[in-house]
PDB file of N, CA and C in Angstrom:
ATOM      1  N   MET A   1     -11.246-115.824 120.524  1.00  0.00           N
ATOM      2  CA  MET A   1     -11.676-114.950 119.704  1.00  0.00           C
ATOM      3  C   MET A   1     -10.733-115.033 118.306  1.00  0.00           C
ATOM      4  N   SER A   2     -10.613-116.502 117.879  1.00  0.00           N
ATOM      5  CA  SER A   2      -9.393-116.953 117.043  1.00  0.00           C
ATOM      6  C   SER A   2     -10.165-117.252 115.540  1.00  0.00           C
ATOM      7  N   GLN A   3     -11.554-117.072 115.486  1.00  0.00           N
ATOM      8  CA  GLN A   3     -12.061-117.432 114.238  1.00  0.00           C
ATOM      9  C   GLN A   3     -12.015-116.460 113.565  1.00  0.00           C
ATOM     10  N   SER A   4     -12.038-116.134 112.174  1.00  0.00           N
ATOM     11  CA  SER A   4     -12.269-115.068 111.282  1.00  0.00           C
ATOM     12  C   SER A   4     -13.637-114.109 111.154  1.00  0.00           C
ATOM     13  N   TYR A   5     -13.706-113.070 111.394  1.00  0.00           N
ATOM     14  CA  TYR A   5     -14.828-112.290 111.158  1.00  0.00           C
ATOM     15  C   TYR A   5     -15.771-112.511 110.062  1.00  0.00           C
ATOM     16  N   ARG A   6     -15.405-113.480 109.121  1.00  0.00           N
ATOM     17  CA  ARG A   6     -15.998-113.600 107.949  1.00  0.00           C
ATOM     18  C   ARG A   6     -16.868-114.632 108.210  1.00  0.00           C
ATOM     19  N   ASN A   7     -16.646-115.648 109.266  1.00  0.00           N
ATOM     20  CA  ASN A   7     -17.488-116.768 109.620  1.00  0.00           C
ATOM     21  C   ASN A   7     -18.431-116.477 110.718  1.00  0.00           C
ATOM     22  N   LEU A   8     -18.629-114.816 111.153  1.00  0.00           N
ATOM     23  CA  LEU A   8     -19.660-114.479 112.031  1.00  0.00           C
ATOM     24  C   LEU A   8     -20.693-114.217 111.083  1.00  0.00           C
ATOM     25  N   ILE A   9     -21.826-114.846 111.663  1.00  0.00           N
ATOM     26  CA  ILE A   9     -23.154-114.987 110.903  1.00  0.00           C
ATOM     27  C   ILE A   9     -23.611-113.559 110.745  1.00  0.00           C
ATOM     28  N   ALA A  10     -23.409-112.623 111.784  1.00  0.00           N
ATOM     29  CA  ALA A  10     -23.868-111.089 112.042  1.00  0.00           C
ATOM     30  C   ALA A  10     -22.945-110.495 110.724  1.00  0.00           C
ATOM     31  N   TRP A  11     -21.618-110.679 110.789  1.00  0.00           N
ATOM     32  CA  TRP A  11     -20.869-109.791 109.670  1.00  0.00           C
ATOM     33  C   TRP A  11     -21.590-110.381 108.242  1.00  0.00           C
ATOM     34  N   GLN A  12     -22.009-111.570 107.790  1.00  0.00           N
ATOM     35  CA  GLN A  12     -22.628-112.250 106.955  1.00  0.00           C
ATOM     36  C   GLN A  12     -23.884-111.553 106.694  1.00  0.00           C
ATOM     37  N   LYS A  13     -24.504-111.865 107.512  1.00  0.00           N
ATOM     38  CA  LYS A  13     -25.737-110.917 107.106  1.00  0.00           C
ATOM     39  C   LYS A  13     -25.983-109.431 106.768  1.00  0.00           C
ATOM     40  N   ALA A  14     -24.844-108.747 107.914  1.00  0.00           N
ATOM     41  CA  ALA A  14     -24.470-107.333 107.456  1.00  0.00           C
ATOM     42  C   ALA A  14     -23.687-107.355 106.008  1.00  0.00           C
ATOM     43  N   MET A  15     -23.289-107.958 105.553  1.00  0.00           N
ATOM     44  CA  MET A  15     -22.645-107.591 104.172  1.00  0.00           C
ATOM     45  C   MET A  15     -24.035-107.640 103.015  1.00  0.00           C
ATOM     46  N   ARG A  16     -24.964-108.743 103.683  1.00  0.00           N
ATOM     47  CA  ARG A  16     -26.030-108.771 102.396  1.00  0.00           C
ATOM     48  C   ARG A  16     -26.617-107.616 102.513  1.00  0.00           C
ATOM     49  N   LEU A  17     -27.122-106.901 104.241  1.00  0.00           N
ATOM     50  CA  LEU A  17     -27.576-105.733 103.911  1.00  0.00           C
ATOM     51  C   LEU A  17     -26.923-104.752 103.116  1.00  0.00           C
ATOM     52  N   VAL A  18     -25.572-104.735 102.885  1.00  0.00           N
ATOM     53  CA  VAL A  18     -25.115-103.600 102.615  1.00  0.00           C
ATOM     54  C   VAL A  18     -25.304-103.701 101.079  1.00  0.00           C
ATOM     55  N   THR A  19     -25.280-104.585 100.677  1.00  0.00           N
ATOM     56  CA  THR A  19     -25.861-104.803  99.011  1.00  0.00           C
ATOM     57  C   THR A  19     -27.029-104.723  98.785  1.00  0.00           C
ATOM     58  N   GLU A  20     -27.895-104.510  99.372  1.00  0.00           N
ATOM     59  CA  GLU A  20     -29.578-104.503  99.416  1.00  0.00           C
ATOM     60  C   GLU A  20     -29.703-102.801  99.592  1.00  0.00           C
ATOM     61  N   ILE A  21     -28.965-102.599 100.445  1.00  0.00           N
ATOM     62  CA  ILE A  21     -29.048-100.795 100.865  1.00  0.00           C
ATOM     63  C   ILE A  21     -28.585-100.718  99.247  1.00  0.00           C
ATOM     64  N   TYR A  22     -27.428-100.463  98.594  1.00  0.00           N
ATOM     65  CA  TYR A  22     -27.128-100.040  97.963  1.00  0.00           C
ATOM     66  C   TYR A  22     -28.138-100.244  96.860  1.00  0.00           C
ATOM     67  N   GLU A  23     -28.368-101.390  96.387  1.00  0.00           N
ATOM     68  CA  GLU A  23     -29.503-101.729  95.105  1.00  0.00           C
ATOM     69  C   GLU A  23     -30.528-100.478  95.512  1.00  0.00           C
ATOM     70  N   ALA A  24     -31.166-100.653  96.572  1.00  0.00           N
ATOM     71  CA  ALA A  24     -32.442 -99.648  97.196  1.00  0.00           C
ATOM     72  C   ALA A  24     -32.064 -98.737  96.944  1.00  0.00           C
ATOM     73  N   THR A  25     -31.060 -98.000  97.208  1.00  0.00           N
ATOM     74  CA  THR A  25     -30.795 -96.594  97.025  1.00  0.00           C
ATOM     75  C   THR A  25     -30.111 -95.838  95.537  1.00  0.00           C
ATOM     76  N   ARG A  26     -30.099 -97.030  94.444  1.00  0.00           N
ATOM     77  CA  ARG A  26     -29.499 -96.626  93.008  1.00  0.00           C
ATOM     78  C   ARG A  26     -30.561 -95.623  92.571  1.00  0.00           C
ATOM     79  N   THR A  27     -32.092 -95.888  92.922  1.00  0.00           N
ATOM     80  CA  THR A  27     -33.379 -95.164  92.463  1.00  0.00           C
ATOM     81  C   THR A  27     -33.492 -93.884  92.766  1.00  0.00           C
ATOM     82  N   PHE A  28     -32.670 -93.596  94.051  1.00  0.00           N
ATOM     83  CA  PHE A  28     -33.041 -92.214  95.012  1.00  0.00           C
ATOM     84  C   PHE A  28     -32.925 -91.134  94.009  1.00  0.00           C
ATOM     85  N   PRO A  29     -33.642 -90.031  94.239  1.00  0.00           N
ATOM     86  CA  PRO A  29     -33.237 -88.714  93.067  1.00  0.00           C
ATOM     87  C   PRO A  29     -31.587 -88.531  93.150  1.00  0.00           C
ATOM     88  N   ARG A  30     -31.130 -88.138  92.465  1.00  0.00           N
ATOM     89  CA  ARG A  30     -29.954 -87.546  92.032  1.00  0.00           C
ATOM     90  C   ARG A  30     -29.468 -86.651  92.856  1.00  0.00           C
ATOM     91  N   ASP A  31     -30.376 -85.634  93.488  1.00  0.00           N
ATOM     92  CA  ASP A  31     -30.181 -84.744  94.288  1.00  0.00           C
ATOM     93  C   ASP A  31     -30.082 -85.298  95.784  1.00  0.00           C
ATOM     94  N   GLU A  32     -30.549 -86.553  96.023  1.00  0.00           N
ATOM     95  CA  GLU A  32     -29.866 -86.985  97.112  1.00  0.00           C
ATOM     96  C   GLU A  32     -28.460 -87.838  97.499  1.00  0.00           C
ATOM     97  N   LEU A  33     -27.931 -87.888  96.384  1.00  0.00           N
ATOM     98  CA  LEU A  33     -26.798 -88.307  96.032  1.00  0.00           C
ATOM     99  C   LEU A  33     -25.756 -88.020  97.493  1.00  0.00           C
ATOM    100  N   TYR A  34     -25.802 -87.003  97.722  1.00  0.00           N
ATOM    101  CA  TYR A  34     -24.809 -86.461  99.031  1.00  0.00           C
ATOM    102  C   TYR A  34     -25.396 -86.213 100.033  1.00  0.00           C
ATOM    103  N   GLY A  35     -27.060 -86.599 100.237  1.00  0.00           N
ATOM    104  CA  GLY A  35     -27.846 -86.224 101.136  1.00  0.00           C
ATOM    105  C   GLY A  35     -28.043 -87.939 101.801  1.00  0.00           C
ATOM    106  N   LEU A  36     -29.199 -88.153 101.708  1.00  0.00           N
ATOM    107  CA  LEU A  36     -29.714 -89.403 102.124  1.00  0.00           C
ATOM    108  C   LEU A  36     -29.229 -90.912 101.787  1.00  0.00           C
ATOM    109  N   THR A  37     -28.921 -90.954 100.498  1.00  0.00           N
ATOM    110  CA  THR A  37     -28.485 -91.981  99.721  1.00  0.00           C
ATOM    111  C   THR A  37     -26.747 -92.209 100.395  1.00  0.00           C
ATOM    112  N   SER A  38     -26.066 -90.952 100.483  1.00  0.00           N
ATOM    113  CA  SER A  38     -24.606 -91.175 101.293  1.00  0.00           C
ATOM    114  C   SER A  38     -24.870 -91.851 102.620  1.00  0.00           C
ATOM    115  N   GLN A  39     -25.750 -90.946 103.429  1.00  0.00           N
ATOM    116  CA  GLN A  39     -25.947 -91.030 104.617  1.00  0.00           C
ATOM    117  C   GLN A  39     -26.201 -92.619 104.886  1.00  0.00           C
ATOM    118  N   LEU A  40     -27.143 -93.214 104.280  1.00  0.00           N
ATOM    119  CA  LEU A  40     -27.613 -94.535 104.458  1.00  0.00           C
ATOM    120  C   LEU A  40     -26.516 -95.670 103.692  1.00  0.00           C
ATOM    121  N   ARG A  41     -26.042 -95.388 102.625  1.00  0.00           N
ATOM    122  CA  ARG A  41     -24.574 -96.474 102.501  1.00  0.00           C
ATOM    123  C   ARG A  41     -23.698 -96.597 103.181  1.00  0.00           C
ATOM    124  N   ARG A  42     -23.069 -95.075 104.083  1.00  0.00           N
ATOM    125  CA  ARG A  42     -22.249 -95.183 104.931  1.00  0.00           C
ATOM    126  C   ARG A  42     -22.585 -95.991 106.308  1.00  0.00           C
ATOM    127  N   ALA A  43     -23.886 -95.581 106.659  1.00  0.00           N
ATOM    128  CA  ALA A  43     -24.645 -96.755 107.722  1.00  0.00           C
ATOM    129  C   ALA A  43     -24.243 -97.885 107.645  1.00  0.00           C
ATOM    130  N   ALA A  44     -24.976 -98.319 106.561  1.00  0.00           N
ATOM    131  CA  ALA A  44     -24.681 -99.786 106.075  1.00  0.00           C
ATOM    132  C   ALA A  44     -23.388-100.386 106.003  1.00  0.00           C
ATOM    133  N   VAL A  45     -22.631 -99.372 105.460  1.00  0.00           N
ATOM    134  CA  VAL A  45     -21.040-100.170 105.053  1.00  0.00           C
ATOM    135  C   VAL A  45     -20.413-100.266 106.679  1.00  0.00           C
ATOM    136  N   SER A  46     -20.891 -98.903 107.271  1.00  0.00           N
ATOM    137  CA  SER A  46     -20.377 -99.270 108.659  1.00  0.00           C
ATOM    138  C   SER A  46     -20.521-100.520 109.853  1.00  0.00           C
ATOM    139  N   VAL A  47     -21.856-101.220 109.541  1.00  0.00           N
ATOM    140  CA  VAL A  47     -22.167-102.176 110.372  1.00  0.00           C
ATOM    141  C   VAL A  47     -21.189-103.607 110.235  1.00  0.00           C
ATOM    142  N   PRO A  48     -20.998-104.031 109.026  1.00  0.00           N
ATOM    143  CA  PRO A  48     -19.953-105.093 108.796  1.00  0.00           C
ATOM    144  C   PRO A  48     -18.446-104.526 109.218  1.00  0.00           C
ATOM    145  N   SER A  49     -18.422-103.365 108.789  1.00  0.00           N
ATOM    146  CA  SER A  49     -16.905-102.768 108.999  1.00  0.00           C
ATOM    147  C   SER A  49     -16.357-102.930 110.402  1.00  0.00           C
ATOM    148  N   ASN A  50     -17.410-102.227 111.707  1.00  0.00           N
ATOM    149  CA  ASN A  50     -17.300-102.613 112.558  1.00  0.00           C
ATOM    150  C   ASN A  50     -17.118-103.881 113.379  1.00  0.00           C
ATOM    151  N   ILE A  51     -18.160-104.862 112.911  1.00  0.00           N
ATOM    152  CA  ILE A  51     -18.032-106.177 113.577  1.00  0.00           C
ATOM    153  C   ILE A  51     -16.677-106.471 112.761  1.00  0.00           C
ATOM    154  N   ALA A  52     -16.274-106.256 111.928  1.00  0.00           N
ATOM    155  CA  ALA A  52     -14.594-107.202 111.548  1.00  0.00           C
ATOM    156  C   ALA A  52     -13.904-106.483 112.098  1.00  0.00           C
ATOM    157  N   GLU A  53     -13.531-105.211 112.430  1.00  0.00           N
ATOM    158  CA  GLU A  53     -12.616-104.570 113.064  1.00  0.00           C
ATOM    159  C   GLU A  53     -12.601-104.862 114.499  1.00  0.00           C
ATOM    160  N   GLY A  54     -13.907-105.259 115.224  1.00  0.00           N
ATOM    161  CA  GLY A  54     -13.980-105.180 116.617  1.00  0.00           C
ATOM    162  C   GLY A  54     -13.363-106.676 116.583  1.00  0.00           C
ATOM    163  N   GLN A  55     -13.605-107.788 116.059  1.00  0.00           N
ATOM    164  CA  GLN A  55     -13.372-109.016 115.887  1.00  0.00           C
ATOM    165  C   GLN A  55     -11.970-109.471 116.254  1.00  0.00           C
ATOM    166  N   ALA A  56     -11.156-108.339 115.557  1.00  0.00           N
ATOM    167  CA  ALA A  56      -9.717-108.210 115.139  1.00  0.00           C
ATOM    168  C   ALA A  56      -9.124-107.708 116.398  1.00  0.00           C
ATOM    169  N   ARG A  57      -9.984-107.174 116.938  1.00  0.00           N
ATOM    170  CA  ARG A  57      -8.827-106.431 118.187  1.00  0.00           C
ATOM    171  C   ARG A  57      -8.432-107.725 119.335  1.00  0.00           C
ATOM    172  N   PHE A  58      -7.742-107.075 120.423  1.00  0.00           N
ATOM    173  CA  PHE A  58      -7.175-108.453 121.071  1.00  0.00           C
ATOM    174  C   PHE A  58      -8.051-108.310 122.264  1.00  0.00           C
ATOM    175  N   SER A  59      -9.242-107.814 122.533  1.00  0.00           N
ATOM    176  CA  SER A  59      -9.917-107.894 124.184  1.00  0.00           C
ATOM    177  C   SER A  59     -11.337-107.945 123.400  1.00  0.00           C
ATOM    178  N   ARG A  60     -11.972-109.019 124.112  1.00  0.00           N
ATOM    179  CA  ARG A  60     -13.379-108.720 124.254  1.00  0.00           C
ATOM    180  C   ARG A  60     -14.146-107.469 124.182  1.00  0.00           C
ATOM    181  N   ARG A  61     -13.544-106.792 125.480  1.00  0.00           N
ATOM    182  CA  ARG A  61     -14.331-105.364 125.509  1.00  0.00           C
ATOM    183  C   ARG A  61     -13.667-104.770 124.466  1.00  0.00           C
ATOM    184  N   GLU A  62     -12.628-104.613 123.656  1.00  0.00           N
ATOM    185  CA  GLU A  62     -12.897-103.860 122.805  1.00  0.00           C
ATOM    186  C   GLU A  62     -14.162-104.383 121.654  1.00  0.00           C
ATOM    187  N   PHE A  63     -13.967-105.542 121.309  1.00  0.00           N
ATOM    188  CA  PHE A  63     -14.878-106.285 120.389  1.00  0.00           C
ATOM    189  C   PHE A  63     -16.361-105.881 120.782  1.00  0.00           C
ATOM    190  N   HIS A  64     -16.803-105.942 121.953  1.00  0.00           N
ATOM    191  CA  HIS A  64     -18.139-105.351 122.495  1.00  0.00           C
ATOM    192  C   HIS A  64     -18.153-103.743 122.235  1.00  0.00           C
ATOM    193  N   HIS A  65     -17.296-103.047 122.254  1.00  0.00           N
ATOM    194  CA  HIS A  65     -17.609-101.668 121.845  1.00  0.00           C
ATOM    195  C   HIS A  65     -17.643-101.648 120.485  1.00  0.00           C
ATOM    196  N   PHE A  66     -17.194-102.061 119.760  1.00  0.00           N
ATOM    197  CA  PHE A  66     -17.161-101.735 118.045  1.00  0.00           C
ATOM    198  C   PHE A  66     -18.579-102.475 117.753  1.00  0.00           C
ATOM    199  N   LEU A  67     -18.744-103.745 118.645  1.00  0.00           N
ATOM    200  CA  LEU A  67     -20.500-104.322 118.271  1.00  0.00           C
ATOM    201  C   LEU A  67     -21.301-103.389 118.612  1.00  0.00           C
ATOM    202  N   SER A  68     -21.132-102.863 119.970  1.00  0.00           N
ATOM    203  CA  SER A  68     -22.168-101.634 119.851  1.00  0.00           C
ATOM    204  C   SER A  68     -22.342-100.357 118.783  1.00  0.00           C
ATOM    205  N   ILE A  69     -21.118-100.335 118.447  1.00  0.00           N
ATOM    206  CA  ILE A  69     -20.755 -98.954 117.400  1.00  0.00           C
ATOM    207  C   ILE A  69     -21.931 -99.639 116.331  1.00  0.00           C
ATOM    208  N   ALA A  70     -21.868-101.116 115.956  1.00  0.00           N
ATOM    209  CA  ALA A  70     -22.388-101.260 114.755  1.00  0.00           C
ATOM    210  C   ALA A  70     -23.890-101.202 115.016  1.00  0.00           C
ATOM    211  N   ARG A  71     -24.310-101.631 116.169  1.00  0.00           N
ATOM    212  CA  ARG A  71     -25.843-101.654 116.582  1.00  0.00           C
ATOM    213  C   ARG A  71     -26.193-100.172 116.260  1.00  0.00           C
ATOM    214  N   GLY A  72     -25.672 -99.335 116.841  1.00  0.00           N
ATOM    215  CA  GLY A  72     -25.904 -97.699 116.585  1.00  0.00           C
ATOM    216  C   GLY A  72     -26.029 -97.717 115.022  1.00  0.00           C
ATOM    217  N   SER A  73     -25.269 -98.074 114.092  1.00  0.00           N
ATOM    218  CA  SER A  73     -25.536 -97.974 112.601  1.00  0.00           C
ATOM    219  C   SER A  73     -26.585 -98.526 112.225  1.00  0.00           C
ATOM    220  N   LEU A  74     -26.996 -99.684 112.743  1.00  0.00           N
ATOM    221  CA  LEU A  74     -27.885-100.390 112.440  1.00  0.00           C
ATOM    222  C   LEU A  74     -29.450 -99.714 112.622  1.00  0.00           C
ATOM    223  N   VAL A  75     -29.355 -98.871 114.071  1.00  0.00           N
ATOM    224  CA  VAL A  75     -30.412 -98.196 113.874  1.00  0.00           C
ATOM    225  C   VAL A  75     -30.832 -97.183 113.262  1.00  0.00           C
ATOM    226  N   GLU A  76     -29.307 -96.610 112.914  1.00  0.00           N
ATOM    227  CA  GLU A  76     -29.535 -95.527 111.887  1.00  0.00           C
ATOM    228  C   GLU A  76     -30.086 -95.565 111.163  1.00  0.00           C
ATOM    229  N   ILE A  77     -30.002 -96.877 110.379  1.00  0.00           N
ATOM    230  CA  ILE A  77     -30.271 -97.423 109.005  1.00  0.00           C
ATOM    231  C   ILE A  77     -31.933 -97.729 108.876  1.00  0.00           C
ATOM    232  N   GLU A  78     -32.154 -97.997 110.252  1.00  0.00           N
ATOM    233  CA  GLU A  78     -33.877 -98.466 110.189  1.00  0.00           C
ATOM    234  C   GLU A  78     -34.426 -96.843 110.208  1.00  0.00           C
ATOM    235  N   THR A  79     -33.706 -96.006 110.825  1.00  0.00           N
ATOM    236  CA  THR A  79     -34.799 -94.586 110.613  1.00  0.00           C
ATOM    237  C   THR A  79     -34.633 -93.853 109.106  1.00  0.00           C
ATOM    238  N   GLN A  80     -33.226 -94.368 108.459  1.00  0.00           N
ATOM    239  CA  GLN A  80     -33.233 -93.508 107.266  1.00  0.00           C
ATOM    240  C   GLN A  80     -34.086 -94.631 106.174  1.00  0.00           C
ATOM    241  N   ILE A  81     -34.435 -95.518 106.856  1.00  0.00           N
ATOM    242  CA  ILE A  81     -35.000 -96.103 105.736  1.00  0.00           C
ATOM    243  C   ILE A  81     -36.680 -95.718 105.874  1.00  0.00           C
ATOM    244  N   GLN A  82     -37.348 -95.556 107.066  1.00  0.00           N
ATOM    245  CA  GLN A  82     -38.229 -95.144 107.154  1.00  0.00           C
ATOM    246  C   GLN A  82     -38.300 -93.432 106.499  1.00  0.00           C
ATOM    247  N   ILE A  83     -37.423 -92.713 106.889  1.00  0.00           N
ATOM    248  CA  ILE A  83     -37.404 -91.502 106.037  1.00  0.00           C
ATOM    249  C   ILE A  83     -37.557 -91.701 104.853  1.00  0.00           C
ATOM    250  N   ALA A  84     -36.534 -92.730 104.203  1.00  0.00           N
ATOM    251  CA  ALA A  84     -36.759 -92.604 102.458  1.00  0.00           C
ATOM    252  C   ALA A  84     -38.486 -92.971 101.800  1.00  0.00           C
ATOM    253  N   GLU A  85     -38.815 -93.734 102.847  1.00  0.00           N
ATOM    254  CA  GLU A  85     -40.643 -94.107 102.507  1.00  0.00           C
ATOM    255  C   GLU A  85     -41.185 -92.775 102.349  1.00  0.00           C
ATOM    256  N   ASN A  86     -41.004 -92.257 103.651  1.00  0.00           N
ATOM    257  CA  ASN A  86     -41.760 -90.905 104.143  1.00  0.00           C
ATOM    258  C   ASN A  86     -41.683 -89.823 102.954  1.00  0.00           C
ATOM    259  N   LEU A  87     -40.351 -89.972 102.067  1.00  0.00           N
ATOM    260  CA  LEU A  87     -39.989 -88.997 101.169  1.00  0.00           C
ATOM    261  C   LEU A  87     -40.869 -89.593  99.905  1.00  0.00           C
ATOM    262  N   CYS A  88     -41.059 -90.744  99.811  1.00  0.00           N
ATOM    263  CA  CYS A  88     -41.358 -91.483  98.437  1.00  0.00           C
ATOM    264  C   CYS A  88     -40.215 -92.181  97.695  1.00  0.00           C
ATOM    265  N   TYR A  89     -39.295 -92.397  98.112  1.00  0.00           N
ATOM    266  CA  TYR A  89     -37.931 -92.708  97.638  1.00  0.00           C
ATOM    267  C   TYR A  89     -37.735 -94.538  97.812  1.00  0.00           C
ATOM    268  N   LEU A  90     -38.700 -94.898  98.901  1.00  0.00           N
ATOM    269  CA  LEU A  90     -39.015 -96.103  98.453  1.00  0.00           C
ATOM    270  C   LEU A  90     -40.570 -96.763  98.894  1.00  0.00           C
ATOM    271  N   ARG A  91     -40.854 -97.917  98.387  1.00  0.00           N
ATOM    272  CA  ARG A  91     -41.981 -98.340  98.382  1.00  0.00           C
ATOM    273  C   ARG A  91     -42.115 -98.932  99.483  1.00  0.00           C
ATOM    274  N   ALA A  92     -43.276 -99.194 100.156  1.00  0.00           N
ATOM    275  CA  ALA A  92     -43.753 -99.891 101.006  1.00  0.00           C
ATOM    276  C   ALA A  92     -42.953-101.397 101.397  1.00  0.00           C
ATOM    277  N   ALA A  93     -43.145-101.809 100.083  1.00  0.00           N
ATOM    278  CA  ALA A  93     -42.608-103.509 100.170  1.00  0.00           C
ATOM    279  C   ALA A  93     -41.289-103.206 100.390  1.00  0.00           C
ATOM    280  N   ALA A  94     -40.273-102.198  99.527  1.00  0.00           N
ATOM    281  CA  ALA A  94     -38.942-102.154  99.764  1.00  0.00           C
ATOM    282  C   ALA A  94     -38.451-102.079 101.072  1.00  0.00           C
ATOM    283  N   ARG A  95     -39.043-100.793 101.698  1.00  0.00           N
ATOM    284  CA  ARG A  95     -38.986-100.355 103.100  1.00  0.00           C
ATOM    285  C   ARG A  95     -39.609-102.058 103.934  1.00  0.00           C
ATOM    286  N   SER A  96     -40.256-102.561 103.796  1.00  0.00           N
ATOM    287  CA  SER A  96     -40.751-104.073 104.501  1.00  0.00           C
ATOM    288  C   SER A  96     -39.415-104.571 104.693  1.00  0.00           C
ATOM    289  N   ARG A  97     -39.069-104.871 103.450  1.00  0.00           N
ATOM    290  CA  ARG A  97     -38.174-106.007 103.191  1.00  0.00           C
ATOM    291  C   ARG A  97     -36.655-105.546 103.965  1.00  0.00           C
ATOM    292  N   LEU A  98     -36.338-104.413 103.571  1.00  0.00           N
ATOM    293  CA  LEU A  98     -35.250-103.885 104.276  1.00  0.00           C
ATOM    294  C   LEU A  98     -35.223-103.739 105.860  1.00  0.00           C
ATOM    295  N   LEU A  99     -36.372-103.354 106.509  1.00  0.00           N
ATOM    296  CA  LEU A  99     -36.399-103.558 107.906  1.00  0.00           C
ATOM    297  C   LEU A  99     -36.608-105.027 108.554  1.00  0.00           C
ATOM    298  N   ALA A 100     -37.310-106.061 107.691  1.00  0.00           N
ATOM    299  CA  ALA A 100     -37.094-107.192 108.155  1.00  0.00           C
ATOM    300  C   ALA A 100     -35.678-107.729 108.078  1.00  0.00           C
ATOM    301  N   GLU A 101     -34.883-107.643 107.255  1.00  0.00           N
ATOM    302  CA  GLU A 101     -33.377-107.747 107.124  1.00  0.00           C
ATOM    303  C   GLU A 101     -32.485-106.964 108.130  1.00  0.00           C
ATOM    304  N   ALA A 102     -33.151-106.039 108.830  1.00  0.00           N
ATOM    305  CA  ALA A 102     -32.146-105.081 109.540  1.00  0.00           C
ATOM    306  C   ALA A 102     -32.668-105.635 110.999  1.00  0.00           C
ATOM    307  N   ALA A 103     -33.633-105.884 111.389  1.00  0.00           N
ATOM    308  CA  ALA A 103     -34.484-106.551 112.411  1.00  0.00           C
ATOM    309  C   ALA A 103     -33.910-107.841 112.452  1.00  0.00           C
ATOM    310  N   GLU A 104     -33.357-108.788 111.772  1.00  0.00           N
ATOM    311  CA  GLU A 104     -33.212-110.485 112.001  1.00  0.00           C
ATOM    312  C   GLU A 104     -31.634-109.807 112.046  1.00  0.00           C
ATOM    313  N   LEU A 105     -30.827-109.206 111.880  1.00  0.00           N
ATOM    314  CA  LEU A 105     -29.643-108.523 111.619  1.00  0.00           C
ATOM    315  C   LEU A 105     -29.342-108.138 113.111  1.00  0.00           C
ATOM    316  N   GLY A 106     -30.405-107.309 113.631  1.00  0.00           N
ATOM    317  CA  GLY A 106     -30.433-106.903 114.983  1.00  0.00           C
ATOM    318  C   GLY A 106     -30.509-107.995 116.141  1.00  0.00           C
ATOM    319  N   ARG A 107     -31.372-108.892 115.623  1.00  0.00           N
ATOM    320  CA  ARG A 107     -31.415-110.240 117.092  1.00  0.00           C
ATOM    321  C   ARG A 107     -29.885-110.678 116.864  1.00  0.00           C
ATOM    322  N   VAL A 108     -29.523-110.962 115.752  1.00  0.00           N
ATOM    323  CA  VAL A 108     -28.253-111.973 115.558  1.00  0.00           C
ATOM    324  C   VAL A 108     -27.064-111.180 116.133  1.00  0.00           C
ATOM    325  N   LEU A 109     -27.128-109.653 115.916  1.00  0.00           N
ATOM    326  CA  LEU A 109     -26.104-108.925 116.426  1.00  0.00           C
ATOM    327  C   LEU A 109     -26.050-108.735 118.054  1.00  0.00           C
ATOM    328  N   ASN A 110     -27.472-108.390 118.340  1.00  0.00           N
ATOM    329  CA  ASN A 110     -27.707-108.420 119.986  1.00  0.00           C
ATOM    330  C   ASN A 110     -27.388-109.771 120.729  1.00  0.00           C
ATOM    331  N   GLY A 111     -27.744-111.056 120.213  1.00  0.00           N
ATOM    332  CA  GLY A 111     -26.713-112.345 120.661  1.00  0.00           C
ATOM    333  C   GLY A 111     -25.254-112.211 120.747  1.00  0.00           C
ATOM    334  N   LEU A 112     -24.728-111.669 119.487  1.00  0.00           N
ATOM    335  CA  LEU A 112     -23.095-111.597 119.543  1.00  0.00           C
ATOM    336  C   LEU A 112     -22.760-110.820 120.734  1.00  0.00           C
ATOM    337  N   ILE A 113     -23.423-109.281 120.579  1.00  0.00           N
ATOM    338  CA  ILE A 113     -23.223-108.835 122.114  1.00  0.00           C
ATOM    339  C   ILE A 113     -23.119-109.204 123.135  1.00  0.00           C
ATOM    340  N   ALA A 114     -24.390-109.831 123.418  1.00  0.00           N
ATOM    341  CA  ALA A 114     -24.652-110.532 124.824  1.00  0.00           C
ATOM    342  C   ALA A 114     -23.530-111.685 124.911  1.00  0.00           C
ATOM    343  N   SER A 115     -23.317-112.649 124.070  1.00  0.00           N
ATOM    344  CA  SER A 115     -22.013-113.393 124.260  1.00  0.00           C
ATOM    345  C   SER A 115     -20.742-112.653 124.609  1.00  0.00           C
ATOM    346  N   VAL A 116     -20.566-111.908 123.755  1.00  0.00           N
ATOM    347  CA  VAL A 116     -19.335-111.106 124.214  1.00  0.00           C
ATOM    348  C   VAL A 116     -18.974-110.709 125.414  1.00  0.00           C
ATOM    349  N   LYS A 117     -20.026-109.851 125.920  1.00  0.00           N
ATOM    350  CA  LYS A 117     -20.150-109.281 126.911  1.00  0.00           C
ATOM    351  C   LYS A 117     -19.951-109.876 128.336  1.00  0.00           C
ATOM    352  N   GLN A 118     -20.832-111.123 128.098  1.00  0.00           N
ATOM    353  CA  GLN A 118     -20.733-112.336 128.833  1.00  0.00           C
ATOM    354  C   GLN A 118     -19.551-113.212 129.174  1.00  0.00           C
ATOM    355  N   SER A 119     -18.558-113.035 128.394  1.00  0.00           N
ATOM    356  CA  SER A 119     -17.299-113.600 128.521  1.00  0.00           C
ATOM    357  C   SER A 119     -16.213-112.587 128.545  1.00  0.00           C
ATOM    358  N   ALA A 120     -16.547-111.442 128.654  1.00  0.00           N
ATOM    359  CA  ALA A 120     -15.477-110.228 128.868  1.00  0.00           C
ATOM    360  C   ALA A 120     -14.964-110.425 130.370  1.00  0.00           C
TER     361      ALA A 120
END
């Protein structure tokens, strides 16, 4: 676990997703600032934050725990993206793009979780 979290592909993809989420939520209604906008942004920030924090821990078991939290936040993002489309805050194309990025991140994150779990 000597490599930096910045070198992890999962962290890099999560950081890109955060940027995409922030850009997409800029157009959400102002009355959602403390609702769905805030919730979606916080969940997005949680993913790379937990990957980084977990990698900085002293054991594989702790790293696995934080990766599991990141995975939970990712599923939260996917749900909130769908809610945003249902409320007409996102167009179908934006939803599809964000969900595709989230799915790719999920695959990478699942691989990292499996790798960490196997070596724990």
